[in-house]
Amino acid sequence: RQYFVAMSGSLTSEEVNFLVYRYLLESGFVHSAFAFGHESLIAKSNIDGSNITPGALISFIQKGLQFVEIEAHTNDDGTESICAERFSALRPHSCKVKS
């Protein structure tokens, strides 16, 4: 069984905190995870971590980036702009349409 977010499609701050906490643990940042878990009160969370797939935070971020890329390359009429420029989360996208 996998953990899914609320039906509204939005994440609560408690869910984001838990995903960040799990990411820190999975990445070997044990001290940072401990400090973050303490400050964000993870121990008082009602989230069952056994239902959360490993790598969940990265998966959500990758899917969100794919959505933003699709959104940026969809024309008003619903057609797709074919772009040669790689999409990045770390810099503004400048579309280079293939001819």
N, C-alpha and C. Protein backbone atom coordinates (compact mmCIF):
# COMPACT_ATOMS: atom_id res chain seq x y z
N ARG A 1 0.83 -1.19 0.00
CA ARG A 1 0.00 0.00 0.00
C ARG A 1 0.87 1.24 0.00
N GLN A 2 0.54 2.19 -0.84
CA GLN A 2 1.30 3.43 -0.91
C GLN A 2 0.55 4.54 -0.19
N TYR A 3 1.29 5.55 0.23
CA TYR A 3 0.72 6.71 0.88
C TYR A 3 0.35 7.74 -0.17
N PHE A 4 -0.87 8.21 -0.14
CA PHE A 4 -1.32 9.23 -1.07
C PHE A 4 -1.71 10.48 -0.32
N VAL A 5 -1.55 11.63 -0.96
CA VAL A 5 -1.90 12.90 -0.32
C VAL A 5 -3.40 13.11 -0.38
N ALA A 6 -3.86 14.14 0.30
CA ALA A 6 -5.28 14.45 0.37
C ALA A 6 -5.91 14.53 -1.02
N MET A 7 -7.18 14.19 -1.11
CA MET A 7 -7.89 14.15 -2.38
C MET A 7 -7.91 15.51 -3.09
N SER A 8 -7.74 16.58 -2.36
CA SER A 8 -7.80 17.91 -2.97
C SER A 8 -6.61 18.17 -3.90
N GLY A 9 -5.60 17.30 -3.83
CA GLY A 9 -4.43 17.49 -4.68
C GLY A 9 -3.40 18.42 -4.08
N SER A 10 -3.60 18.82 -2.84
CA SER A 10 -2.63 19.69 -2.20
C SER A 10 -1.95 18.95 -1.06
N LEU A 11 -0.78 19.42 -0.72
CA LEU A 11 -0.02 18.84 0.38
C LEU A 11 -0.14 19.71 1.62
N THR A 12 -0.25 19.09 2.76
CA THR A 12 -0.23 19.86 4.01
C THR A 12 1.23 20.09 4.40
N SER A 13 1.47 21.02 5.27
CA SER A 13 2.83 21.26 5.74
C SER A 13 3.35 20.04 6.50
N GLU A 14 2.47 19.33 7.18
CA GLU A 14 2.86 18.11 7.89
C GLU A 14 3.35 17.05 6.89
N GLU A 15 2.67 16.91 5.76
CA GLU A 15 3.08 15.94 4.74
C GLU A 15 4.41 16.34 4.10
N VAL A 16 4.57 17.61 3.80
CA VAL A 16 5.83 18.09 3.23
C VAL A 16 6.97 17.84 4.22
N ASN A 17 6.75 18.18 5.47
CA ASN A 17 7.77 17.97 6.49
C ASN A 17 8.15 16.50 6.59
N PHE A 18 7.16 15.61 6.55
CA PHE A 18 7.46 14.20 6.64
C PHE A 18 8.26 13.72 5.43
N LEU A 19 7.89 14.19 4.24
CA LEU A 19 8.63 13.81 3.03
C LEU A 19 10.07 14.32 3.07
N VAL A 20 10.28 15.53 3.56
CA VAL A 20 11.63 16.08 3.70
C VAL A 20 12.41 15.25 4.72
N TYR A 21 11.78 14.94 5.84
CA TYR A 21 12.41 14.11 6.87
C TYR A 21 12.84 12.77 6.30
N ARG A 22 11.94 12.10 5.58
CA ARG A 22 12.27 10.81 4.97
C ARG A 22 13.39 10.94 3.95
N TYR A 23 13.35 12.01 3.16
CA TYR A 23 14.42 12.25 2.17
C TYR A 23 15.77 12.37 2.88
N LEU A 24 15.82 13.12 3.95
CA LEU A 24 17.06 13.29 4.69
C LEU A 24 17.57 11.95 5.23
N LEU A 25 16.68 11.15 5.77
CA LEU A 25 17.08 9.82 6.27
C LEU A 25 17.58 8.94 5.13
N GLU A 26 16.82 8.89 4.03
CA GLU A 26 17.18 8.04 2.89
C GLU A 26 18.50 8.46 2.26
N SER A 27 18.83 9.72 2.38
CA SER A 27 20.06 10.24 1.78
C SER A 27 21.25 10.16 2.73
N GLY A 28 21.03 9.66 3.93
CA GLY A 28 22.13 9.50 4.88
C GLY A 28 22.42 10.71 5.74
N PHE A 29 21.56 11.70 5.71
CA PHE A 29 21.74 12.90 6.53
C PHE A 29 21.05 12.69 7.88
N VAL A 30 21.57 11.76 8.66
CA VAL A 30 20.93 11.32 9.89
C VAL A 30 20.83 12.46 10.91
N HIS A 31 21.90 13.21 11.10
CA HIS A 31 21.88 14.31 12.06
C HIS A 31 20.89 15.39 11.62
N SER A 32 20.92 15.73 10.35
CA SER A 32 19.98 16.74 9.83
C SER A 32 18.54 16.25 9.97
N ALA A 33 18.32 14.96 9.70
CA ALA A 33 16.97 14.39 9.84
C ALA A 33 16.51 14.46 11.30
N PHE A 34 17.43 14.15 12.22
CA PHE A 34 17.09 14.23 13.64
C PHE A 34 16.69 15.65 14.03
N ALA A 35 17.51 16.62 13.65
CA ALA A 35 17.24 18.02 13.99
C ALA A 35 15.93 18.50 13.35
N PHE A 36 15.76 18.18 12.07
CA PHE A 36 14.54 18.59 11.36
C PHE A 36 13.31 17.91 11.96
N GLY A 37 13.44 16.61 12.24
CA GLY A 37 12.33 15.87 12.84
C GLY A 37 11.92 16.44 14.18
N HIS A 38 12.91 16.82 14.97
CA HIS A 38 12.63 17.42 16.28
C HIS A 38 11.93 18.77 16.14
N GLU A 39 12.43 19.61 15.28
CA GLU A 39 11.87 20.94 15.11
C GLU A 39 10.49 20.93 14.45
N SER A 40 10.25 19.96 13.57
CA SER A 40 8.96 19.91 12.87
C SER A 40 7.96 18.97 13.55
N LEU A 41 8.34 18.42 14.70
CA LEU A 41 7.47 17.58 15.51
C LEU A 41 6.97 16.34 14.74
N ILE A 42 7.86 15.73 13.97
CA ILE A 42 7.53 14.54 13.20
C ILE A 42 6.98 13.43 14.09
N ALA A 43 7.53 13.29 15.30
CA ALA A 43 7.10 12.22 16.20
C ALA A 43 5.62 12.34 16.57
N LYS A 44 5.06 13.53 16.49
CA LYS A 44 3.64 13.74 16.82
C LYS A 44 2.74 13.63 15.59
N SER A 45 3.33 13.34 14.44
CA SER A 45 2.57 13.22 13.20
C SER A 45 1.73 11.95 13.19
N ASN A 46 0.61 11.99 12.54
CA ASN A 46 -0.25 10.81 12.38
C ASN A 46 0.07 10.06 11.10
N ILE A 47 1.10 10.44 10.40
CA ILE A 47 1.45 9.80 9.13
C ILE A 47 2.17 8.48 9.41
N ASP A 48 1.70 7.43 8.76
CA ASP A 48 2.31 6.11 8.88
C ASP A 48 3.39 6.00 7.81
N GLY A 49 4.65 6.13 8.23
CA GLY A 49 5.76 6.11 7.29
C GLY A 49 5.93 4.81 6.53
N SER A 50 5.37 3.72 7.05
CA SER A 50 5.50 2.44 6.35
C SER A 50 4.70 2.41 5.06
N ASN A 51 3.77 3.34 4.90
CA ASN A 51 2.96 3.42 3.69
C ASN A 51 3.54 4.36 2.64
N ILE A 52 4.68 4.96 2.94
CA ILE A 52 5.28 5.92 2.00
C ILE A 52 6.40 5.23 1.23
N THR A 53 6.32 5.29 -0.07
CA THR A 53 7.31 4.67 -0.94
C THR A 53 8.66 5.36 -0.78
N PRO A 54 9.76 4.60 -0.71
CA PRO A 54 11.08 5.24 -0.69
C PRO A 54 11.26 6.15 -1.92
N GLY A 55 11.87 7.29 -1.70
CA GLY A 55 12.08 8.23 -2.79
C GLY A 55 10.85 9.06 -3.14
N ALA A 56 9.86 9.09 -2.25
CA ALA A 56 8.60 9.77 -2.55
C ALA A 56 8.79 11.26 -2.84
N LEU A 57 9.64 11.95 -2.07
CA LEU A 57 9.83 13.39 -2.29
C LEU A 57 10.41 13.65 -3.67
N ILE A 58 11.44 12.90 -4.05
CA ILE A 58 12.05 13.08 -5.37
C ILE A 58 11.04 12.77 -6.46
N SER A 59 10.24 11.73 -6.27
CA SER A 59 9.22 11.37 -7.25
C SER A 59 8.20 12.49 -7.44
N PHE A 60 7.73 13.08 -6.32
CA PHE A 60 6.79 14.20 -6.41
C PHE A 60 7.42 15.39 -7.14
N ILE A 61 8.65 15.69 -6.82
CA ILE A 61 9.33 16.82 -7.47
C ILE A 61 9.50 16.57 -8.96
N GLN A 62 9.91 15.35 -9.33
CA GLN A 62 10.09 15.03 -10.75
C GLN A 62 8.77 15.11 -11.51
N LYS A 63 7.71 14.58 -10.92
CA LYS A 63 6.40 14.64 -11.57
C LYS A 63 5.91 16.08 -11.69
N GLY A 64 6.16 16.88 -10.66
CA GLY A 64 5.78 18.30 -10.72
C GLY A 64 6.54 19.03 -11.81
N LEU A 65 7.82 18.73 -11.94
CA LEU A 65 8.63 19.36 -12.99
C LEU A 65 8.15 18.94 -14.37
N GLN A 66 7.76 17.67 -14.52
CA GLN A 66 7.20 17.21 -15.79
C GLN A 66 5.92 17.95 -16.11
N PHE A 67 5.07 18.17 -15.11
CA PHE A 67 3.83 18.89 -15.32
C PHE A 67 4.10 20.33 -15.76
N VAL A 68 5.05 20.99 -15.10
CA VAL A 68 5.40 22.37 -15.46
C VAL A 68 5.94 22.42 -16.88
N GLU A 69 6.75 21.42 -17.25
CA GLU A 69 7.29 21.36 -18.61
C GLU A 69 6.17 21.17 -19.64
N ILE A 70 5.24 20.29 -19.35
CA ILE A 70 4.10 20.07 -20.26
C ILE A 70 3.28 21.35 -20.38
N GLU A 71 3.03 21.98 -19.26
CA GLU A 71 2.26 23.22 -19.23
C GLU A 71 2.94 24.31 -20.07
N ALA A 72 4.27 24.39 -19.96
CA ALA A 72 5.02 25.43 -20.69
C ALA A 72 5.04 25.17 -22.19
N HIS A 73 4.86 23.92 -22.59
CA HIS A 73 4.95 23.57 -24.01
C HIS A 73 3.61 23.22 -24.64
N THR A 74 2.53 23.60 -23.98
CA THR A 74 1.21 23.40 -24.54
C THR A 74 0.68 24.75 -25.02
N ASN A 75 0.37 24.82 -26.30
CA ASN A 75 -0.17 26.05 -26.88
C ASN A 75 -1.61 26.26 -26.46
N ASP A 76 -2.12 27.46 -26.66
CA ASP A 76 -3.50 27.79 -26.29
C ASP A 76 -4.51 26.88 -26.96
N ASP A 77 -4.20 26.39 -28.17
CA ASP A 77 -5.14 25.52 -28.89
C ASP A 77 -4.98 24.05 -28.51
N GLY A 78 -4.10 23.76 -27.53
CA GLY A 78 -3.93 22.40 -27.06
C GLY A 78 -2.83 21.62 -27.76
N THR A 79 -2.23 22.20 -28.78
CA THR A 79 -1.14 21.52 -29.47
C THR A 79 0.15 21.70 -28.68
N GLU A 80 1.13 20.88 -29.02
CA GLU A 80 2.39 20.89 -28.29
C GLU A 80 3.47 21.64 -29.06
N SER A 81 4.22 22.48 -28.36
CA SER A 81 5.40 23.11 -28.94
C SER A 81 6.56 22.16 -28.72
N ILE A 82 7.27 21.81 -29.79
CA ILE A 82 8.42 20.93 -29.68
C ILE A 82 9.64 21.79 -29.40
N CYS A 83 10.19 21.64 -28.21
CA CYS A 83 11.27 22.49 -27.74
C CYS A 83 12.56 21.69 -27.64
N ALA A 84 13.68 22.30 -28.05
CA ALA A 84 14.98 21.64 -28.02
C ALA A 84 15.74 21.93 -26.72
N GLU A 85 15.27 22.88 -25.95
CA GLU A 85 15.96 23.28 -24.73
C GLU A 85 15.56 22.38 -23.57
N ARG A 86 16.54 21.89 -22.82
CA ARG A 86 16.27 21.05 -21.66
C ARG A 86 15.61 21.86 -20.55
N PHE A 87 14.64 21.26 -19.89
CA PHE A 87 13.92 21.91 -18.81
C PHE A 87 14.67 21.71 -17.50
N SER A 88 14.74 22.75 -16.67
CA SER A 88 15.46 22.67 -15.41
C SER A 88 14.66 23.35 -14.31
N ALA A 89 14.76 22.82 -13.11
CA ALA A 89 14.12 23.45 -11.95
C ALA A 89 14.97 24.59 -11.39
N LEU A 90 16.22 24.69 -11.86
CA LEU A 90 17.16 25.63 -11.27
C LEU A 90 17.39 26.90 -12.07
N ARG A 91 16.77 26.98 -13.23
CA ARG A 91 16.93 28.20 -14.02
C ARG A 91 15.67 28.44 -14.85
N PRO A 92 15.42 29.68 -15.23
CA PRO A 92 14.24 29.97 -16.05
C PRO A 92 14.34 29.24 -17.40
N HIS A 93 13.21 28.82 -17.91
CA HIS A 93 13.20 28.11 -19.19
C HIS A 93 13.08 29.10 -20.34
N SER A 94 13.95 28.93 -21.32
CA SER A 94 13.90 29.72 -22.55
C SER A 94 13.67 28.73 -23.68
N CYS A 95 12.48 28.75 -24.22
CA CYS A 95 12.07 27.77 -25.22
C CYS A 95 12.81 28.01 -26.53
N LYS A 96 13.37 26.93 -27.07
CA LYS A 96 13.99 26.95 -28.40
C LYS A 96 13.21 25.95 -29.24
N VAL A 97 12.24 26.50 -29.99
CA VAL A 97 11.33 25.66 -30.77
C VAL A 97 12.07 25.04 -31.94
N LYS A 98 11.91 23.72 -32.07
CA LYS A 98 12.53 23.01 -33.22
C LYS A 98 11.77 23.37 -34.48
N SER A 99 12.50 23.51 -35.57
CA SER A 99 11.83 23.85 -36.84
C SER A 99 11.75 22.66 -37.75
